[in-house]
Protein backbone atom coordinates (compact mmCIF):
# COMPACT_ATOMS: atom_id res chain seq x y z
CA MET A 1 0.00 0.00 0.00
CA SER A 2 1.41 3.37 -0.97
CA GLN A 3 1.88 6.23 1.45
CA ASN A 4 -0.94 8.18 -0.23
CA ASP A 5 -3.35 5.26 0.19
CA THR A 6 -2.40 4.98 3.84
CA GLN A 7 -3.05 8.69 4.43
CA THR A 8 -6.40 8.49 2.65
CA GLU A 9 -7.47 5.50 4.75
CA THR A 10 -6.44 7.28 7.93
CA ILE A 11 -8.45 10.40 7.04
CA ALA A 12 -11.52 8.32 6.21
CA ARG A 13 -11.24 6.40 9.49
CA ASP A 14 -10.87 9.58 11.53
CA THR A 15 -13.82 11.20 9.75
CA LEU A 16 -16.02 8.18 10.36
CA ALA A 17 -15.05 8.17 14.00
CA ALA A 18 -15.98 11.85 14.25
CA CYS A 19 -19.42 11.14 12.80
CA ASN A 20 -20.07 8.45 15.44
CA GLN A 21 -19.66 10.80 18.37
CA THR A 22 -22.22 10.55 21.12
CA VAL A 23 -24.62 13.37 21.94
CA ARG A 24 -23.30 15.66 24.66
CA ASP A 25 -25.39 17.55 27.20
CA VAL A 26 -24.45 21.22 27.47
CA ALA A 27 -26.49 23.07 30.12
CA GLY A 28 -29.50 20.89 29.37
CA THR A 29 -29.21 21.25 25.59
CA PRO A 30 -28.23 18.23 23.47
CA VAL A 31 -25.21 19.01 21.25
CA LEU A 32 -23.56 16.87 18.58
CA VAL A 33 -20.22 18.01 17.16
CA LEU A 34 -19.77 17.16 13.48
CA PRO A 35 -16.70 17.63 11.34
CA GLU A 36 -16.62 20.28 8.63
CA GLY A 37 -18.55 19.27 5.53
CA PHE A 38 -21.04 16.99 7.33
CA LYS A 39 -24.68 17.67 8.18
CA ALA A 40 -27.07 15.92 10.51
CA ALA A 41 -30.07 14.40 8.73
CA ASP A 42 -33.57 14.87 10.18
CA LEU A 43 -35.33 11.51 9.85
CA ALA A 44 -38.52 12.54 11.65
CA HIS A 45 -40.52 11.96 8.47
CA LEU A 46 -39.80 8.22 8.82
CA LEU A 47 -41.61 8.00 12.18
CA ALA A 48 -45.11 6.56 12.33
CA ALA A 49 -46.30 9.87 13.85
CA PRO A 50 -44.70 13.25 14.65
CA ALA A 51 -42.83 13.43 17.93
CA ARG A 52 -45.01 16.39 19.00
CA LYS A 53 -47.78 18.67 17.74
CA ARG A 54 -46.91 21.88 15.89
CA GLY A 55 -48.25 24.16 13.19
CA THR A 56 -50.95 26.86 13.03
CA ALA A 57 -54.59 26.24 12.20
CA VAL A 58 -56.21 29.32 10.63
CA LEU A 59 -59.97 29.56 11.28
CA ASN A 60 -62.56 31.71 9.51
CA ASP A 61 -65.09 32.21 12.29
CA ALA A 62 -65.24 32.34 16.05
CA GLU A 63 -67.20 29.10 16.38
CA SER A 64 -64.50 27.11 14.55
CA PHE A 65 -61.79 28.79 16.62
CA VAL A 66 -63.54 27.81 19.85
CA ALA A 67 -63.99 24.22 18.60
CA VAL A 68 -60.28 23.81 17.86
CA VAL A 69 -59.25 25.40 21.17
CA ASN A 70 -61.54 23.11 23.16
CA ASP A 71 -60.22 20.10 21.25
CA GLN A 72 -56.50 20.90 21.56
CA MET A 73 -56.14 22.83 24.81
CA THR A 74 -53.73 21.73 27.55
CA GLU A 75 -52.71 23.23 30.87
CA ASP A 76 -50.19 25.33 28.94
CA THR A 77 -52.74 26.86 26.53
CA ARG A 78 -53.02 30.65 26.43
CA ILE A 79 -55.23 32.87 24.21
CA PHE A 80 -54.03 36.27 23.03
CA SER A 81 -56.09 38.99 21.34
CA THR A 82 -55.52 42.40 19.73
CA ILE A 83 -58.05 45.05 18.71
CA ASN A 84 -56.22 46.69 15.81
CA PRO A 85 -56.19 44.52 13.80
CA PRO A 86 -58.79 42.22 15.41
CA THR A 87 -56.98 38.91 16.05
CA PHE A 88 -57.28 35.88 18.34
CA THR A 89 -54.34 33.48 18.74
CA ALA A 90 -54.35 30.34 20.89
CA VAL A 91 -50.92 28.92 21.76
CA PHE A 92 -51.31 25.34 22.99
CA ASN A 93 -47.65 24.84 24.08
CA HIS A 94 -47.01 28.28 25.54
CA ASN A 95 -44.43 29.09 28.22
CA ALA A 96 -46.40 28.24 31.34
CA ALA A 97 -45.22 26.16 34.29
CA GLU A 98 -42.36 24.99 32.07
CA ALA A 99 -40.81 26.33 28.88
CA GLY A 100 -42.80 25.59 25.73
CA TRP A 101 -41.95 25.78 22.06
CA GLY A 102 -44.94 28.03 21.29
CA ASP A 103 -45.31 26.60 17.78
CA HIS A 104 -48.66 24.78 18.09
CA LYS A 105 -51.36 27.40 17.52
CA ALA A 106 -54.84 28.27 16.28
CA GLN A 107 -55.56 31.69 14.82
CA TYR A 108 -58.74 33.60 14.07
CA ASN A 109 -58.23 36.96 12.37
CA ALA A 110 -61.88 38.09 12.66
CA PRO A 111 -62.52 39.13 9.03
CA LEU A 112 -64.63 42.24 8.67
CA ALA A 113 -68.18 41.83 7.33
CA PRO A 114 -68.95 42.99 3.77
CA GLU A 115 -71.52 45.45 5.15
CA TRP A 116 -68.96 47.03 7.47
CA LEU A 117 -66.39 47.28 4.66
CA ALA A 118 -68.92 48.85 2.28
CA TRP A 119 -69.87 51.68 4.65
CA THR A 120 -66.39 52.32 6.03
CA GLN A 121 -64.93 52.50 2.52
CA MET A 122 -67.39 55.32 1.79
CA ASP A 123 -66.49 57.11 5.02
CA GLY A 124 -65.20 60.56 4.09
CA LYS A 125 -65.26 59.89 0.34
CA LYS A 126 -66.47 63.02 -1.43
CA VAL A 127 -68.78 62.23 -4.37
CA GLY A 128 -71.60 63.83 -6.32
CA GLN A 129 -75.11 63.79 -4.91
CA VAL A 130 -76.29 61.15 -7.39
CA ASP A 131 -73.44 58.74 -6.60
CA LEU A 132 -74.01 59.04 -2.87
CA ALA A 133 -77.77 58.66 -3.24
CA GLN A 134 -77.31 55.52 -5.34
CA PHE A 135 -74.92 54.04 -2.78
CA ILE A 136 -77.37 54.63 0.08
CA GLU A 137 -80.23 53.26 -1.99
CA ASN A 138 -78.23 50.09 -2.84
CA ASN A 139 -77.47 49.53 0.84
CA LEU A 140 -80.78 50.71 2.25
CA VAL A 141 -81.35 47.34 3.93
CA ASP A 142 -78.69 48.34 6.50
CA VAL A 143 -80.58 51.49 7.58
CA VAL A 144 -82.54 51.11 10.80
CA PHE A 145 -85.07 53.37 12.49
CA ILE A 146 -83.97 54.67 15.90
CA ASP A 147 -86.70 56.33 17.93
CA LYS A 148 -85.65 59.49 19.74
CA ALA A 149 -86.56 57.84 23.04
CA ALA A 150 -84.33 54.83 22.39
CA PRO A 151 -81.64 54.13 25.03
CA GLY A 152 -78.21 55.41 24.12
CA MET A 153 -79.38 58.33 21.96
CA PRO A 154 -77.60 61.57 22.95
CA VAL A 155 -79.73 64.08 24.81
CA GLY A 156 -81.64 66.37 22.49
CA GLU A 157 -80.99 64.32 19.36
CA VAL A 158 -83.95 63.55 17.15
CA GLY A 159 -84.72 60.08 15.93
CA SER A 160 -83.08 58.61 12.84
CA PRO A 161 -85.14 58.51 9.65
CA ASP A 162 -86.47 55.15 8.58
CA GLY A 163 -85.52 53.46 5.34
CA ALA A 164 -88.60 54.68 3.46
CA THR A 165 -87.87 58.33 4.33
CA LEU A 166 -84.24 58.00 3.33
CA LEU A 167 -85.20 56.25 0.08
CA GLU A 168 -87.45 59.17 -0.83
CA VAL A 169 -84.60 61.62 -0.16
CA CYS A 170 -82.20 59.56 -2.29
CA ARG A 171 -84.59 59.46 -5.25
CA THR A 172 -85.15 63.21 -5.00
CA LEU A 173 -81.38 63.81 -5.00
CA GLU A 174 -81.07 61.60 -8.09
CA ALA A 175 -83.83 63.54 -9.85
CA LYS A 176 -82.29 66.95 -9.02
CA LYS A 177 -78.92 66.30 -10.64
CA LYS A 178 -79.32 69.24 -13.09
CA VAL A 179 -80.31 71.94 -10.61
CA ASP A 180 -78.15 74.75 -9.17
CA PHE A 181 -77.95 74.60 -5.40
CA LYS A 182 -77.82 78.03 -3.80
CA SER A 183 -77.83 77.70 -0.02
CA ALA A 184 -78.43 75.37 2.91
CA ILE A 185 -79.83 75.98 6.38
CA ARG A 186 -80.31 73.69 9.36
CA LEU A 187 -83.90 73.19 10.47
CA ALA A 188 -85.22 72.73 13.99
CA ASP A 189 -85.63 68.96 13.51
CA GLY A 190 -81.93 68.57 12.72
CA SER A 191 -82.29 68.16 8.96
CA THR A 192 -80.69 70.42 6.35
CA GLN A 193 -82.84 72.32 3.87
CA PHE A 194 -81.28 73.06 0.50
CA THR A 195 -82.54 75.83 -1.76
CA TYR A 196 -82.00 75.35 -5.49
CA ASP A 197 -82.86 76.85 -8.85
CA GLU A 198 -84.31 74.57 -11.52
CA ASP A 199 -84.98 75.20 -15.19
CA VAL A 200 -88.46 73.82 -15.98
CA GLN A 201 -89.38 74.17 -19.66
CA GLY A 202 -87.31 77.31 -20.06
CA SER A 203 -88.60 78.91 -16.88
CA ALA A 204 -86.44 79.26 -13.74
CA ARG A 205 -88.08 77.99 -10.59
CA GLN A 206 -86.84 77.85 -7.02
CA GLY A 207 -87.28 74.74 -4.95
CA GLN A 208 -86.35 73.33 -1.56
CA LEU A 209 -85.15 69.91 -0.45
CA ALA A 210 -84.83 68.67 3.15
CA VAL A 211 -82.10 66.10 3.82
CA PRO A 212 -81.58 64.42 7.22
CA GLU A 213 -78.29 65.30 8.89
CA GLN A 214 -77.86 61.86 10.42
CA PHE A 215 -79.14 58.31 10.15
CA SER A 216 -78.34 54.98 11.78
CA LEU A 217 -77.19 51.58 10.56
CA GLY A 218 -77.58 48.10 11.98
CA ILE A 219 -74.69 46.12 10.52
CA PRO A 220 -72.33 43.32 11.61
CA VAL A 221 -68.71 44.28 12.23
CA PHE A 222 -67.35 40.76 11.63
CA GLU A 223 -68.42 38.08 9.18
CA ASN A 224 -71.34 36.06 10.56
CA GLY A 225 -71.30 38.27 13.66
CA GLU A 226 -74.06 40.11 15.48
CA LYS A 227 -75.23 43.52 14.29
CA TYR A 228 -74.11 46.78 15.87
CA ARG A 229 -75.53 50.26 15.68
CA ALA A 230 -73.45 52.73 13.68
CA ASP A 231 -74.48 56.38 13.34
CA VAL A 232 -73.72 58.20 10.09
CA ARG A 233 -73.68 61.93 9.37
CA LEU A 234 -74.42 63.37 5.93
CA ARG A 235 -71.97 66.12 5.03
CA TYR A 236 -72.10 68.46 2.03
CA ARG A 237 -70.43 71.32 0.22
CA ILE A 238 -72.02 73.60 -2.39
CA GLN A 239 -69.38 74.36 -5.02
CA ASP A 240 -69.15 77.32 -7.36
CA GLY A 241 -71.65 76.74 -10.15
CA GLY A 242 -74.25 75.18 -7.86
CA ASN A 243 -72.88 71.62 -7.79
CA LEU A 244 -73.56 69.70 -4.60
CA ILE A 245 -70.76 67.50 -3.20
CA MET A 246 -71.72 65.09 -0.42
CA TRP A 247 -70.05 62.48 1.75
CA LEU A 248 -70.70 60.19 4.70
CA GLU A 249 -69.07 60.53 8.10
CA LEU A 250 -69.24 57.50 10.39
CA ILE A 251 -69.29 58.51 14.04
CA ARG A 252 -66.42 56.92 16.02
CA PRO A 253 -66.22 53.65 14.06
CA HIS A 254 -63.10 52.61 16.01
CA LYS A 255 -65.19 52.42 19.19
CA ILE A 256 -67.67 50.12 17.47
CA ILE A 257 -64.83 47.74 16.47
CA GLU A 258 -63.47 47.95 20.01
CA ASP A 259 -66.86 47.00 21.47
CA ALA A 260 -67.25 44.16 18.95
CA VAL A 261 -63.82 42.73 19.85
CA LYS A 262 -64.59 42.98 23.57
CA GLN A 263 -67.84 41.09 23.01
CA LEU A 264 -66.00 38.41 21.03
CA ARG A 265 -63.45 38.12 23.83
CA ALA A 266 -66.21 37.61 26.37
CA ASP A 267 -67.92 34.97 24.20
CA ILE A 268 -64.70 33.04 23.50
CA ALA A 269 -63.64 33.21 27.16
CA ALA A 270 -67.01 31.85 28.25
CA GLN A 271 -66.96 28.99 25.73
CA THR A 272 -63.34 27.94 26.37
CA GLU A 273 -63.16 28.82 30.08
CA LEU A 274 -59.82 30.50 29.39
CA PRO A 275 -58.87 34.14 30.04
CA ILE A 276 -58.17 36.29 26.99
CA LEU A 277 -54.82 38.07 27.20
CA ASN A 278 -54.61 41.52 25.63
CA GLY A 279 -51.57 41.31 23.35
CA SER A 280 -49.64 39.01 21.00
CA PRO A 281 -47.64 35.85 21.77
CA SER A 282 -43.86 35.96 21.46
CA LYS A 283 -42.43 34.90 18.11
């Protein structure tokens, strides 16, 4: 055997011996030292079942989230929640009595309802009177009548118009798209009265139109969730030339989301018998 062959055999034997090292315990952590150029192979996929649970289940409604939590919870389970954005995260192997990996989770991101998205996307968007009237008319099913004696109405505020009244206003606004608006005054009942000039068969005529300043919605905040009351103001600006620009102004929508999240927290806590922690789990 040549000297080169002997050196090659020696290197191979030493390398093999290095690969057969036993696992060492360093401060409670298993460590295996491998020579340069070698990697440890993970053969977990050959096991009949995973050594432990991990992964994140993403749920689309609160009921499904509760079902998974009740099915998978352990003594180490913790539920975290945030308001902005609305999220719920259950960590089944959280750091509790002992350290946990924190990588077995269920998550519910509380998707916003189409009705809530439709109205909030129009919030503050300045459009022509016809466009706004058509939007309200298309979503008239969300308008609810609030009597002035209803609990929660601010002192001195009149009742919200019902859907039929608002529909009539919308159709009048659509019909008056070619008039010149001159002025607007607030009436005693809280509505705004517009004065306009209209050309009728070559003759100028003056007319008036009363529009409610505010109305109320009954819409869900989250998909498949319960409905909440949302108050909406009608804002306007009369431009040079008599054009009327209008927009919607939702009153404190962030508080409505906050209340909806708090209600969800209470429901989930009651159904899982777990406290809801305000915050996010560690990465």
